[in-house]
Amino acid sequence: MHSRNKEAWSHDHTFGQENRRPGESKTLLVIAITSIMMIVELVAGIVYGSMALLADGLHMASHAAALSISAFAYIYARRNARNQVYSFGTGKVNALGGFSGAVLLAIFAIYMGFESIVRMLNPVEIVFNQAIFVAVLGLIVNGACVFILGSDEDGHIHHHSYGDDHHHDHNLRSAYLHVMADMLTSILAIIALLAGKYYELIWMDPAMGIVGAILVARWSYGLLGSTSAILLDKQAPIELRDNIQEILEADRDTQVTDLHVWSIGPEIYSAQIAVVAHNPQSPDQYKDLIPDSLGLVHLTVEVHLCPDGDGESFGVA
């Protein structure tokens, strides 16, 4: 086959991954805000001798490191989108970044829970005014970061659903959950510190830490499940598979005998389908039946002639 003819029948496997995703710019902006806050807290902690400010500054540093993983995933996926080493492009780098972020969330939850139990068994003296100041400052910064990561280009807030795992930018979701976890920590800390200052309920501080650890662990578990499903090529949602099968079997002459659909990137899928028919059509004719709205960007159809050849449909009499 001449190279010109070969090029006419071939196609690339970038599937839009070479484009800069909105989440990349948002994540970089949040990293910049977090880094500035981190430097301010570390300098203030050293100048004023405040361990509370130093501790929160170091926490911000770990927070910036986690977000940097998300930023790296965006940049790597975009720059390597045309690298032929990757069979279906770099879409799964997005899920890998989200999975890494979920692991860090799990570690953060374990650390929160452990420290809270230690504090509950061995209470320490709390400098309430300074601690409340740090918590409020952290809440303001993280609230701004949540707004940036959770809003679209028009400024509308997206409410991320735990059940709708197959249609999200998992890398952005990881970054979003990191700042959400930080904001939750600040809110629980303010409640506990106010209760301790005005009602002497010192135990509220470690108790709120345990509550926060449980919630963060739940977020981590959900993100680990959705991202690992993509990394392990788990079948796409049953609704999508049923939709494909119904479209192809609308002609009672055709029956789908094998169907594999899996995610290869945010909101895009690859599929391998085998059909058997009494009067088989070409693979391209079957491909044309499936609308672009289903997100199938790489589709392989295998066609077989029904061995009985009696011309009857597959429908139930």
C-alpha atoms as a PDB file:
ATOM      1  CA  MET A   1       0.000   0.000   0.000  1.00  0.00           C
ATOM      2  CA  HIS A   2       1.362   3.424  -0.918  1.00  0.00           C
ATOM      3  CA  SER A   3       2.149   5.741   2.001  1.00  0.00           C
ATOM      4  CA  ARG A   4      -0.385   8.285   0.696  1.00  0.00           C
ATOM      5  CA  ASN A   5      -3.192   5.703   0.854  1.00  0.00           C
ATOM      6  CA  LYS A   6      -2.041   4.563   4.283  1.00  0.00           C
ATOM      7  CA  GLU A   7      -2.252   8.106   5.633  1.00  0.00           C
ATOM      8  CA  ALA A   8      -5.802   8.432   4.285  1.00  0.00           C
ATOM      9  CA  TRP A   9      -6.930   5.459   6.386  1.00  0.00           C
ATOM     10  CA  SER A  10      -4.980   6.248   9.548  1.00  0.00           C
ATOM     11  CA  HIS A  11      -5.704   8.800  12.280  1.00  0.00           C
ATOM     12  CA  ASP A  12      -3.939  10.239  15.294  1.00  0.00           C
ATOM     13  CA  HIS A  13      -4.634   9.244  18.885  1.00  0.00           C
ATOM     14  CA  THR A  14      -4.395  12.598  20.653  1.00  0.00           C
ATOM     15  CA  PHE A  15      -8.178  12.951  21.138  1.00  0.00           C
ATOM     16  CA  GLY A  16      -7.813  16.591  22.192  1.00  0.00           C
ATOM     17  CA  GLN A  17      -5.227  15.883  24.890  1.00  0.00           C
ATOM     18  CA  GLU A  18      -2.793  18.294  23.168  1.00  0.00           C
ATOM     19  CA  ASN A  19      -5.090  21.188  24.121  1.00  0.00           C
ATOM     20  CA  ARG A  20      -4.629  23.125  27.335  1.00  0.00           C
ATOM     21  CA  ARG A  21      -7.405  22.119  29.742  1.00  0.00           C
ATOM     22  CA  PRO A  22      -9.131  24.777  31.912  1.00  0.00           C
ATOM     23  CA  GLY A  23      -8.061  22.888  35.029  1.00  0.00           C
ATOM     24  CA  GLU A  24      -4.384  23.483  34.254  1.00  0.00           C
ATOM     25  CA  SER A  25      -4.632  27.279  34.527  1.00  0.00           C
ATOM     26  CA  LYS A  26      -6.818  27.042  37.633  1.00  0.00           C
ATOM     27  CA  THR A  27      -4.410  24.674  39.363  1.00  0.00           C
ATOM     28  CA  LEU A  28      -1.389  26.865  38.579  1.00  0.00           C
ATOM     29  CA  LEU A  29      -3.223  29.923  39.978  1.00  0.00           C
ATOM     30  CA  VAL A  30      -4.109  28.063  43.172  1.00  0.00           C
ATOM     31  CA  ILE A  31      -0.483  26.898  43.544  1.00  0.00           C
ATOM     32  CA  ALA A  32       0.660  30.538  43.290  1.00  0.00           C
ATOM     33  CA  ILE A  33      -1.862  31.686  45.936  1.00  0.00           C
ATOM     34  CA  THR A  34      -0.968  28.798  48.244  1.00  0.00           C
ATOM     35  CA  SER A  35       2.786  29.418  47.857  1.00  0.00           C
ATOM     36  CA  ILE A  36       2.426  33.112  48.723  1.00  0.00           C
ATOM     37  CA  MET A  37       0.372  32.233  51.814  1.00  0.00           C
ATOM     38  CA  MET A  38       2.940  29.596  52.765  1.00  0.00           C
ATOM     39  CA  ILE A  39       5.816  32.110  52.601  1.00  0.00           C
ATOM     40  CA  VAL A  40       3.864  34.712  54.621  1.00  0.00           C
ATOM     41  CA  GLU A  41       3.074  32.201  57.387  1.00  0.00           C
ATOM     42  CA  LEU A  42       6.604  30.807  57.554  1.00  0.00           C
ATOM     43  CA  VAL A  43       8.180  34.292  57.740  1.00  0.00           C
ATOM     44  CA  ALA A  44       5.617  35.483  60.316  1.00  0.00           C
ATOM     45  CA  GLY A  45       6.134  32.338  62.368  1.00  0.00           C
ATOM     46  CA  ILE A  46       9.901  32.899  62.473  1.00  0.00           C
ATOM     47  CA  VAL A  47       9.624  36.645  63.184  1.00  0.00           C
ATOM     48  CA  TYR A  48       6.957  36.331  65.905  1.00  0.00           C
ATOM     49  CA  GLY A  49       8.124  32.988  67.276  1.00  0.00           C
ATOM     50  CA  SER A  50       4.753  31.362  66.598  1.00  0.00           C
ATOM     51  CA  MET A  51       4.732  27.573  66.312  1.00  0.00           C
ATOM     52  CA  ALA A  52       1.083  27.720  65.171  1.00  0.00           C
ATOM     53  CA  LEU A  53       1.997  29.875  62.174  1.00  0.00           C
ATOM     54  CA  LEU A  54       5.066  27.747  61.414  1.00  0.00           C
ATOM     55  CA  ALA A  55       3.002  24.549  61.545  1.00  0.00           C
ATOM     56  CA  ASP A  56       0.328  25.946  59.237  1.00  0.00           C
ATOM     57  CA  GLY A  57       3.019  27.241  56.859  1.00  0.00           C
ATOM     58  CA  LEU A  58       4.535  23.768  56.630  1.00  0.00           C
ATOM     59  CA  HIS A  59       1.052  22.343  56.061  1.00  0.00           C
ATOM     60  CA  MET A  60       0.598  24.816  53.198  1.00  0.00           C
ATOM     61  CA  ALA A  61       3.917  23.570  51.768  1.00  0.00           C
ATOM     62  CA  SER A  62       2.628  19.989  51.641  1.00  0.00           C
ATOM     63  CA  HIS A  63      -0.591  21.321  50.142  1.00  0.00           C
ATOM     64  CA  ALA A  64       1.356  23.100  47.363  1.00  0.00           C
ATOM     65  CA  ALA A  65       3.349  19.920  46.695  1.00  0.00           C
ATOM     66  CA  ALA A  66       0.146  17.906  46.234  1.00  0.00           C
ATOM     67  CA  LEU A  67      -1.274  20.496  43.842  1.00  0.00           C
ATOM     68  CA  SER A  68       2.004  20.468  41.921  1.00  0.00           C
ATOM     69  CA  ILE A  69       1.382  16.808  41.070  1.00  0.00           C
ATOM     70  CA  SER A  70      -1.881  17.826  39.409  1.00  0.00           C
ATOM     71  CA  ALA A  71      -0.147  20.639  37.506  1.00  0.00           C
ATOM     72  CA  PHE A  72       2.595  18.270  36.343  1.00  0.00           C
ATOM     73  CA  ALA A  73      -0.011  15.766  35.106  1.00  0.00           C
ATOM     74  CA  TYR A  74      -1.706  18.451  32.985  1.00  0.00           C
ATOM     75  CA  ILE A  75       1.549  19.658  31.447  1.00  0.00           C
ATOM     76  CA  TYR A  76       2.930  16.160  30.834  1.00  0.00           C
ATOM     77  CA  ALA A  77      -0.290  14.956  29.188  1.00  0.00           C
ATOM     78  CA  ARG A  78      -0.427  17.992  26.921  1.00  0.00           C
ATOM     79  CA  ARG A  79       3.227  17.907  25.868  1.00  0.00           C
ATOM     80  CA  ASN A  80       3.229  14.138  25.217  1.00  0.00           C
ATOM     81  CA  ALA A  81      -0.173  13.936  23.536  1.00  0.00           C
ATOM     82  CA  ARG A  82       1.407  13.027  20.182  1.00  0.00           C
ATOM     83  CA  ASN A  83       3.940  10.612  21.643  1.00  0.00           C
ATOM     84  CA  GLN A  84       3.256   7.311  19.857  1.00  0.00           C
ATOM     85  CA  VAL A  85       4.491   5.359  22.880  1.00  0.00           C
ATOM     86  CA  TYR A  86       0.963   5.810  24.285  1.00  0.00           C
ATOM     87  CA  SER A  87      -1.550   3.601  22.433  1.00  0.00           C
ATOM     88  CA  PHE A  88      -4.581   5.797  23.165  1.00  0.00           C
ATOM     89  CA  GLY A  89      -2.928   9.135  23.894  1.00  0.00           C
ATOM     90  CA  THR A  90      -2.187  10.587  27.318  1.00  0.00           C
ATOM     91  CA  GLY A  91      -5.756  10.848  28.629  1.00  0.00           C
ATOM     92  CA  LYS A  92      -5.069   8.442  31.480  1.00  0.00           C
ATOM     93  CA  VAL A  93      -2.340  10.712  32.855  1.00  0.00           C
ATOM     94  CA  ASN A  94      -5.289  12.753  34.120  1.00  0.00           C
ATOM     95  CA  ALA A  95      -6.586   9.754  36.076  1.00  0.00           C
ATOM     96  CA  LEU A  96      -3.077   8.920  37.307  1.00  0.00           C
ATOM     97  CA  GLY A  97      -2.693  12.458  38.676  1.00  0.00           C
ATOM     98  CA  GLY A  98      -6.057  12.117  40.402  1.00  0.00           C
ATOM     99  CA  PHE A  99      -5.092   8.722  41.841  1.00  0.00           C
ATOM    100  CA  SER A 100      -1.815  10.139  43.223  1.00  0.00           C
ATOM    101  CA  GLY A 101      -3.735  13.016  44.786  1.00  0.00           C
ATOM    102  CA  ALA A 102      -6.187  10.567  46.342  1.00  0.00           C
ATOM    103  CA  VAL A 103      -3.322   8.627  47.929  1.00  0.00           C
ATOM    104  CA  LEU A 104      -1.985  11.870  49.435  1.00  0.00           C
ATOM    105  CA  LEU A 105      -5.480  12.668  50.725  1.00  0.00           C
ATOM    106  CA  ALA A 106      -5.585   9.244  52.412  1.00  0.00           C
ATOM    107  CA  ILE A 107      -2.190   9.885  54.045  1.00  0.00           C
ATOM    108  CA  PHE A 108      -3.416  13.310  55.166  1.00  0.00           C
ATOM    109  CA  ALA A 109      -6.547  11.719  56.695  1.00  0.00           C
ATOM    110  CA  ILE A 110      -4.493   9.117  58.570  1.00  0.00           C
ATOM    111  CA  TYR A 111      -2.154  11.812  59.892  1.00  0.00           C
ATOM    112  CA  MET A 112      -5.103  13.992  60.983  1.00  0.00           C
ATOM    113  CA  GLY A 113      -6.713  11.068  62.795  1.00  0.00           C
ATOM    114  CA  PHE A 114      -3.483   9.984  64.497  1.00  0.00           C
ATOM    115  CA  GLU A 115      -2.587  13.487  65.682  1.00  0.00           C
ATOM    116  CA  SER A 116      -6.128  14.053  66.968  1.00  0.00           C
ATOM    117  CA  ILE A 117      -6.063  10.846  69.024  1.00  0.00           C
ATOM    118  CA  VAL A 118      -2.639  11.784  70.461  1.00  0.00           C
ATOM    119  CA  ARG A 119      -3.961  15.260  71.373  1.00  0.00           C
ATOM    120  CA  MET A 120      -7.052  13.732  72.974  1.00  0.00           C
ATOM    121  CA  LEU A 121      -4.928  11.429  75.150  1.00  0.00           C
ATOM    122  CA  ASN A 122      -2.304  14.102  75.860  1.00  0.00           C
ATOM    123  CA  PRO A 123      -3.920  17.571  75.775  1.00  0.00           C
ATOM    124  CA  VAL A 124      -1.624  20.514  75.069  1.00  0.00           C
ATOM    125  CA  GLU A 125      -2.023  24.188  75.900  1.00  0.00           C
ATOM    126  CA  ILE A 126      -3.619  26.150  73.057  1.00  0.00           C
ATOM    127  CA  VAL A 127      -2.917  29.841  72.369  1.00  0.00           C
ATOM    128  CA  PHE A 128      -6.480  30.519  71.249  1.00  0.00           C
ATOM    129  CA  ASN A 129      -6.279  34.024  69.750  1.00  0.00           C
ATOM    130  CA  GLN A 130      -3.290  33.235  67.563  1.00  0.00           C
ATOM    131  CA  ALA A 131      -4.654  29.827  66.549  1.00  0.00           C
ATOM    132  CA  ILE A 132      -8.033  31.329  65.630  1.00  0.00           C
ATOM    133  CA  PHE A 133      -6.295  33.983  63.531  1.00  0.00           C
ATOM    134  CA  VAL A 134      -4.365  31.304  61.607  1.00  0.00           C
ATOM    135  CA  ALA A 135      -7.526  29.221  61.077  1.00  0.00           C
ATOM    136  CA  VAL A 136      -9.551  32.203  59.793  1.00  0.00           C
ATOM    137  CA  LEU A 137      -6.733  33.253  57.482  1.00  0.00           C
ATOM    138  CA  GLY A 138      -6.483  29.709  56.158  1.00  0.00           C
ATOM    139  CA  LEU A 139     -10.243  29.560  55.651  1.00  0.00           C
ATOM    140  CA  ILE A 140     -10.230  32.756  53.556  1.00  0.00           C
ATOM    141  CA  VAL A 141      -7.355  31.568  51.344  1.00  0.00           C
ATOM    142  CA  ASN A 142      -8.741  28.070  50.863  1.00  0.00           C
ATOM    143  CA  GLY A 143     -12.239  29.422  50.252  1.00  0.00           C
ATOM    144  CA  ALA A 144     -10.832  31.470  47.370  1.00  0.00           C
ATOM    145  CA  CYS A 145      -9.026  28.388  46.020  1.00  0.00           C
ATOM    146  CA  VAL A 146     -12.200  26.276  46.211  1.00  0.00           C
ATOM    147  CA  PHE A 147     -14.044  28.984  44.250  1.00  0.00           C
ATOM    148  CA  ILE A 148     -11.322  29.039  41.571  1.00  0.00           C
ATOM    149  CA  LEU A 149     -11.152  25.249  41.139  1.00  0.00           C
ATOM    150  CA  GLY A 150     -14.886  24.643  41.435  1.00  0.00           C
ATOM    151  CA  SER A 151     -16.112  27.305  39.014  1.00  0.00           C
ATOM    152  CA  ASP A 152     -16.363  27.251  35.226  1.00  0.00           C
ATOM    153  CA  GLU A 153     -15.090  29.982  32.907  1.00  0.00           C
ATOM    154  CA  ASP A 154     -18.187  32.085  33.597  1.00  0.00           C
ATOM    155  CA  GLY A 155     -17.730  31.886  37.359  1.00  0.00           C
ATOM    156  CA  HIS A 156     -20.524  29.381  38.023  1.00  0.00           C
ATOM    157  CA  ILE A 157     -19.845  26.840  40.727  1.00  0.00           C
ATOM    158  CA  HIS A 158     -19.885  23.146  39.810  1.00  0.00           C
ATOM    159  CA  HIS A 159     -21.183  20.779  42.478  1.00  0.00           C
ATOM    160  CA  HIS A 160     -19.149  17.604  42.139  1.00  0.00           C
ATOM    161  CA  SER A 161     -21.179  14.434  42.591  1.00  0.00           C
ATOM    162  CA  TYR A 162     -19.558  11.330  44.046  1.00  0.00           C
ATOM    163  CA  GLY A 163     -21.668   9.041  41.881  1.00  0.00           C
ATOM    164  CA  ASP A 164     -20.889  10.758  38.580  1.00  0.00           C
ATOM    165  CA  ASP A 165     -17.293   9.591  38.351  1.00  0.00           C
ATOM    166  CA  HIS A 166     -16.964   9.011  34.621  1.00  0.00           C
ATOM    167  CA  HIS A 167     -17.546  12.572  33.428  1.00  0.00           C
ATOM    168  CA  HIS A 168     -15.093  14.588  35.498  1.00  0.00           C
ATOM    169  CA  ASP A 169     -11.549  15.815  35.146  1.00  0.00           C
ATOM    170  CA  HIS A 170     -10.136  13.556  37.877  1.00  0.00           C
ATOM    171  CA  ASN A 171      -6.944  15.591  38.096  1.00  0.00           C
ATOM    172  CA  LEU A 172      -8.941  18.769  38.769  1.00  0.00           C
ATOM    173  CA  ARG A 173     -11.160  16.835  41.177  1.00  0.00           C
ATOM    174  CA  SER A 174      -8.080  15.782  43.141  1.00  0.00           C
ATOM    175  CA  ALA A 175      -6.892  19.390  43.428  1.00  0.00           C
ATOM    176  CA  TYR A 176     -10.434  20.489  44.340  1.00  0.00           C
ATOM    177  CA  LEU A 177     -10.678  17.900  47.126  1.00  0.00           C
ATOM    178  CA  HIS A 178      -7.279  18.950  48.513  1.00  0.00           C
ATOM    179  CA  VAL A 179      -8.382  22.553  48.962  1.00  0.00           C
ATOM    180  CA  MET A 180     -11.795  21.376  50.205  1.00  0.00           C
ATOM    181  CA  ALA A 181     -10.041  19.241  52.833  1.00  0.00           C
ATOM    182  CA  ASP A 182      -7.956  22.232  53.878  1.00  0.00           C
ATOM    183  CA  MET A 183     -11.026  24.484  54.063  1.00  0.00           C
ATOM    184  CA  LEU A 184     -12.909  21.843  56.076  1.00  0.00           C
ATOM    185  CA  THR A 185      -9.969  21.625  58.484  1.00  0.00           C
ATOM    186  CA  SER A 186     -10.066  25.392  58.989  1.00  0.00           C
ATOM    187  CA  ILE A 187     -13.848  25.429  59.604  1.00  0.00           C
ATOM    188  CA  LEU A 188     -13.690  22.573  62.133  1.00  0.00           C
ATOM    189  CA  ALA A 189     -10.680  24.197  63.811  1.00  0.00           C
ATOM    190  CA  ILE A 190     -12.497  27.544  64.210  1.00  0.00           C
ATOM    191  CA  ILE A 191     -15.550  25.797  65.746  1.00  0.00           C
ATOM    192  CA  ALA A 192     -13.350  23.802  68.127  1.00  0.00           C
ATOM    193  CA  LEU A 193     -11.174  26.776  69.106  1.00  0.00           C
ATOM    194  CA  LEU A 194     -14.166  29.016  69.801  1.00  0.00           C
ATOM    195  CA  ALA A 195     -15.718  26.254  71.925  1.00  0.00           C
ATOM    196  CA  GLY A 196     -12.438  25.853  73.789  1.00  0.00           C
ATOM    197  CA  LYS A 197     -11.913  29.594  74.349  1.00  0.00           C
ATOM    198  CA  TYR A 198     -15.415  30.513  75.513  1.00  0.00           C
ATOM    199  CA  TYR A 199     -16.730  27.226  76.988  1.00  0.00           C
ATOM    200  CA  GLU A 200     -13.457  25.501  77.986  1.00  0.00           C
ATOM    201  CA  LEU A 201     -14.355  22.493  75.831  1.00  0.00           C
ATOM    202  CA  ILE A 202     -10.724  21.624  75.081  1.00  0.00           C
ATOM    203  CA  TRP A 203     -11.645  18.126  73.888  1.00  0.00           C
ATOM    204  CA  MET A 204     -13.508  19.678  70.924  1.00  0.00           C
ATOM    205  CA  ASP A 205     -10.212  20.412  69.157  1.00  0.00           C
ATOM    206  CA  PRO A 206      -9.051  16.769  68.752  1.00  0.00           C
ATOM    207  CA  ALA A 207     -12.653  15.591  68.301  1.00  0.00           C
ATOM    208  CA  MET A 208     -13.133  17.891  65.313  1.00  0.00           C
ATOM    209  CA  GLY A 209      -9.830  16.620  63.952  1.00  0.00           C
ATOM    210  CA  ILE A 210     -11.180  13.058  63.990  1.00  0.00           C
ATOM    211  CA  VAL A 211     -14.402  14.175  62.244  1.00  0.00           C
ATOM    212  CA  GLY A 212     -12.357  15.917  59.576  1.00  0.00           C
ATOM    213  CA  ALA A 213     -10.149  12.861  59.101  1.00  0.00           C
ATOM    214  CA  ILE A 214     -13.207  10.646  58.521  1.00  0.00           C
ATOM    215  CA  LEU A 215     -14.657  13.013  55.910  1.00  0.00           C
ATOM    216  CA  VAL A 216     -11.334  13.389  54.075  1.00  0.00           C
ATOM    217  CA  ALA A 217     -10.901   9.600  54.108  1.00  0.00           C
ATOM    218  CA  ARG A 218     -14.352   9.260  52.512  1.00  0.00           C
ATOM    219  CA  TRP A 219     -13.411  11.703  49.738  1.00  0.00           C
ATOM    220  CA  SER A 220     -10.137   9.866  49.193  1.00  0.00           C
ATOM    221  CA  TYR A 221     -11.908   6.500  48.964  1.00  0.00           C
ATOM    222  CA  GLY A 222     -14.328   7.793  46.337  1.00  0.00           C
ATOM    223  CA  LEU A 223     -11.557   9.313  44.214  1.00  0.00           C
ATOM    224  CA  LEU A 224      -9.385   6.190  44.532  1.00  0.00           C
ATOM    225  CA  GLY A 225     -12.296   4.073  43.297  1.00  0.00           C
ATOM    226  CA  SER A 226     -13.110   6.228  40.263  1.00  0.00           C
ATOM    227  CA  THR A 227      -9.508   6.760  39.146  1.00  0.00           C
ATOM    228  CA  SER A 228      -8.397   3.149  39.665  1.00  0.00           C
ATOM    229  CA  ALA A 229     -11.381   2.003  37.586  1.00  0.00           C
ATOM    230  CA  ILE A 230     -10.018   4.032  34.660  1.00  0.00           C
ATOM    231  CA  LEU A 231      -6.407   2.951  35.178  1.00  0.00           C
ATOM    232  CA  LEU A 232      -7.489  -0.719  35.240  1.00  0.00           C
ATOM    233  CA  ASP A 233      -9.728  -0.373  32.139  1.00  0.00           C
ATOM    234  CA  LYS A 234     -12.950  -1.094  33.981  1.00  0.00           C
ATOM    235  CA  GLN A 235     -15.997  -1.284  31.718  1.00  0.00           C
ATOM    236  CA  ALA A 236     -17.793   2.003  31.070  1.00  0.00           C
ATOM    237  CA  PRO A 237     -21.148   2.653  32.828  1.00  0.00           C
ATOM    238  CA  ILE A 238     -23.871   0.123  32.014  1.00  0.00           C
ATOM    239  CA  GLU A 239     -26.097   2.919  30.684  1.00  0.00           C
ATOM    240  CA  LEU A 240     -23.559   3.737  27.957  1.00  0.00           C
ATOM    241  CA  ARG A 241     -23.053   0.093  27.006  1.00  0.00           C
ATOM    242  CA  ASP A 242     -26.798  -0.552  26.860  1.00  0.00           C
ATOM    243  CA  ASN A 243     -27.253   2.530  24.694  1.00  0.00           C
ATOM    244  CA  ILE A 244     -24.645   1.294  22.196  1.00  0.00           C
ATOM    245  CA  GLN A 245     -26.173  -2.176  22.094  1.00  0.00           C
ATOM    246  CA  GLU A 246     -29.695  -0.833  21.552  1.00  0.00           C
ATOM    247  CA  ILE A 247     -28.518   1.358  18.662  1.00  0.00           C
ATOM    248  CA  LEU A 248     -26.743  -1.495  16.889  1.00  0.00           C
ATOM    249  CA  GLU A 249     -29.524  -4.021  17.492  1.00  0.00           C
ATOM    250  CA  ALA A 250     -32.296  -1.678  16.356  1.00  0.00           C
ATOM    251  CA  ASP A 251     -32.072  -3.607  13.084  1.00  0.00           C
ATOM    252  CA  ARG A 252     -33.329  -7.046  14.158  1.00  0.00           C
ATOM    253  CA  ASP A 253     -30.963  -8.603  11.631  1.00  0.00           C
ATOM    254  CA  THR A 254     -27.977  -7.674  13.847  1.00  0.00           C
ATOM    255  CA  GLN A 255     -26.890  -8.880  17.261  1.00  0.00           C
ATOM    256  CA  VAL A 256     -24.010  -7.619  19.415  1.00  0.00           C
ATOM    257  CA  THR A 257     -21.987 -10.608  20.609  1.00  0.00           C
ATOM    258  CA  ASP A 258     -19.089  -8.852  22.301  1.00  0.00           C
ATOM    259  CA  LEU A 259     -18.890  -5.316  23.702  1.00  0.00           C
ATOM    260  CA  HIS A 260     -15.986  -3.663  25.524  1.00  0.00           C
ATOM    261  CA  VAL A 261     -16.092   0.053  26.339  1.00  0.00           C
ATOM    262  CA  TRP A 262     -13.525   1.751  28.564  1.00  0.00           C
ATOM    263  CA  SER A 263     -12.392   5.265  29.418  1.00  0.00           C
ATOM    264  CA  ILE A 264      -9.158   6.564  27.853  1.00  0.00           C
ATOM    265  CA  GLY A 265      -9.450  10.118  29.154  1.00  0.00           C
ATOM    266  CA  PRO A 266     -11.877  12.669  30.619  1.00  0.00           C
ATOM    267  CA  GLU A 267     -15.286  12.051  29.001  1.00  0.00           C
ATOM    268  CA  ILE A 268     -13.833  10.008  26.113  1.00  0.00           C
ATOM    269  CA  TYR A 269     -14.024   6.268  25.481  1.00  0.00           C
ATOM    270  CA  SER A 270     -12.616   3.532  23.302  1.00  0.00           C
ATOM    271  CA  ALA A 271     -14.732   0.543  22.259  1.00  0.00           C
ATOM    272  CA  GLN A 272     -14.293  -2.869  20.669  1.00  0.00           C
ATOM    273  CA  ILE A 273     -17.515  -4.364  19.359  1.00  0.00           C
ATOM    274  CA  ALA A 274     -18.302  -7.659  17.619  1.00  0.00           C
ATOM    275  CA  VAL A 275     -21.597  -8.066  15.769  1.00  0.00           C
ATOM    276  CA  VAL A 276     -23.150 -10.978  13.902  1.00  0.00           C
ATOM    277  CA  ALA A 277     -25.759 -10.465  11.194  1.00  0.00           C
ATOM    278  CA  HIS A 278     -27.593 -12.418   8.502  1.00  0.00           C
ATOM    279  CA  ASN A 279     -26.906  -9.594   6.036  1.00  0.00           C
ATOM    280  CA  PRO A 280     -23.781  -7.965   7.423  1.00  0.00           C
ATOM    281  CA  GLN A 281     -22.862  -4.385   6.575  1.00  0.00           C
ATOM    282  CA  SER A 282     -19.383  -2.901   6.474  1.00  0.00           C
ATOM    283  CA  PRO A 283     -17.750  -1.907   9.816  1.00  0.00           C
ATOM    284  CA  ASP A 284     -17.972   1.779   8.833  1.00  0.00           C
ATOM    285  CA  GLN A 285     -21.751   1.510   8.417  1.00  0.00           C
ATOM    286  CA  TYR A 286     -22.093   0.211  11.955  1.00  0.00           C
ATOM    287  CA  LYS A 287     -19.742   2.930  13.261  1.00  0.00           C
ATOM    288  CA  ASP A 288     -21.863   5.616  11.591  1.00  0.00           C
ATOM    289  CA  LEU A 289     -24.891   4.481  13.621  1.00  0.00           C
ATOM    290  CA  ILE A 290     -23.248   5.538  16.905  1.00  0.00           C
ATOM    291  CA  PRO A 291     -23.609   9.299  17.611  1.00  0.00           C
ATOM    292  CA  ASP A 292     -20.602  11.431  18.547  1.00  0.00           C
ATOM    293  CA  SER A 293     -22.430  12.553  21.694  1.00  0.00           C
ATOM    294  CA  LEU A 294     -21.628   9.196  23.359  1.00  0.00           C
ATOM    295  CA  GLY A 295     -17.937  10.130  23.486  1.00  0.00           C
ATOM    296  CA  LEU A 296     -16.543   7.151  21.559  1.00  0.00           C
ATOM    297  CA  VAL A 297     -13.375   8.539  19.974  1.00  0.00           C
ATOM    298  CA  HIS A 298     -11.734   5.219  19.069  1.00  0.00           C
ATOM    299  CA  LEU A 299     -14.055   2.501  17.787  1.00  0.00           C
ATOM    300  CA  THR A 300     -13.283  -0.943  16.347  1.00  0.00           C
ATOM    301  CA  VAL A 301     -16.125  -3.054  14.920  1.00  0.00           C
ATOM    302  CA  GLU A 302     -15.736  -6.730  14.049  1.00  0.00           C
ATOM    303  CA  VAL A 303     -18.450  -8.097  11.732  1.00  0.00           C
ATOM    304  CA  HIS A 304     -19.446 -11.763  11.336  1.00  0.00           C
ATOM    305  CA  LEU A 305     -21.923 -13.535   9.061  1.00  0.00           C
ATOM    306  CA  CYS A 306     -24.523 -15.528  10.976  1.00  0.00           C
ATOM    307  CA  PRO A 307     -23.643 -19.189  10.291  1.00  0.00           C
ATOM    308  CA  ASP A 308     -27.238 -20.429   9.847  1.00  0.00           C
ATOM    309  CA  GLY A 309     -27.814 -17.988   6.974  1.00  0.00           C
ATOM    310  CA  ASP A 310     -31.578 -18.487   7.087  1.00  0.00           C
ATOM    311  CA  GLY A 311     -32.330 -14.776   6.764  1.00  0.00           C
ATOM    312  CA  GLU A 312     -34.441 -14.668   9.943  1.00  0.00           C
ATOM    313  CA  SER A 313     -34.079 -11.889  12.483  1.00  0.00           C
ATOM    314  CA  PHE A 314     -32.656 -12.295  15.980  1.00  0.00           C
ATOM    315  CA  GLY A 315     -35.849 -10.990  17.537  1.00  0.00           C
ATOM    316  CA  VAL A 316     -37.869 -13.134  19.898  1.00  0.00           C
ATOM    317  CA  ALA A 317     -40.975 -14.532  18.248  1.00  0.00           C
END
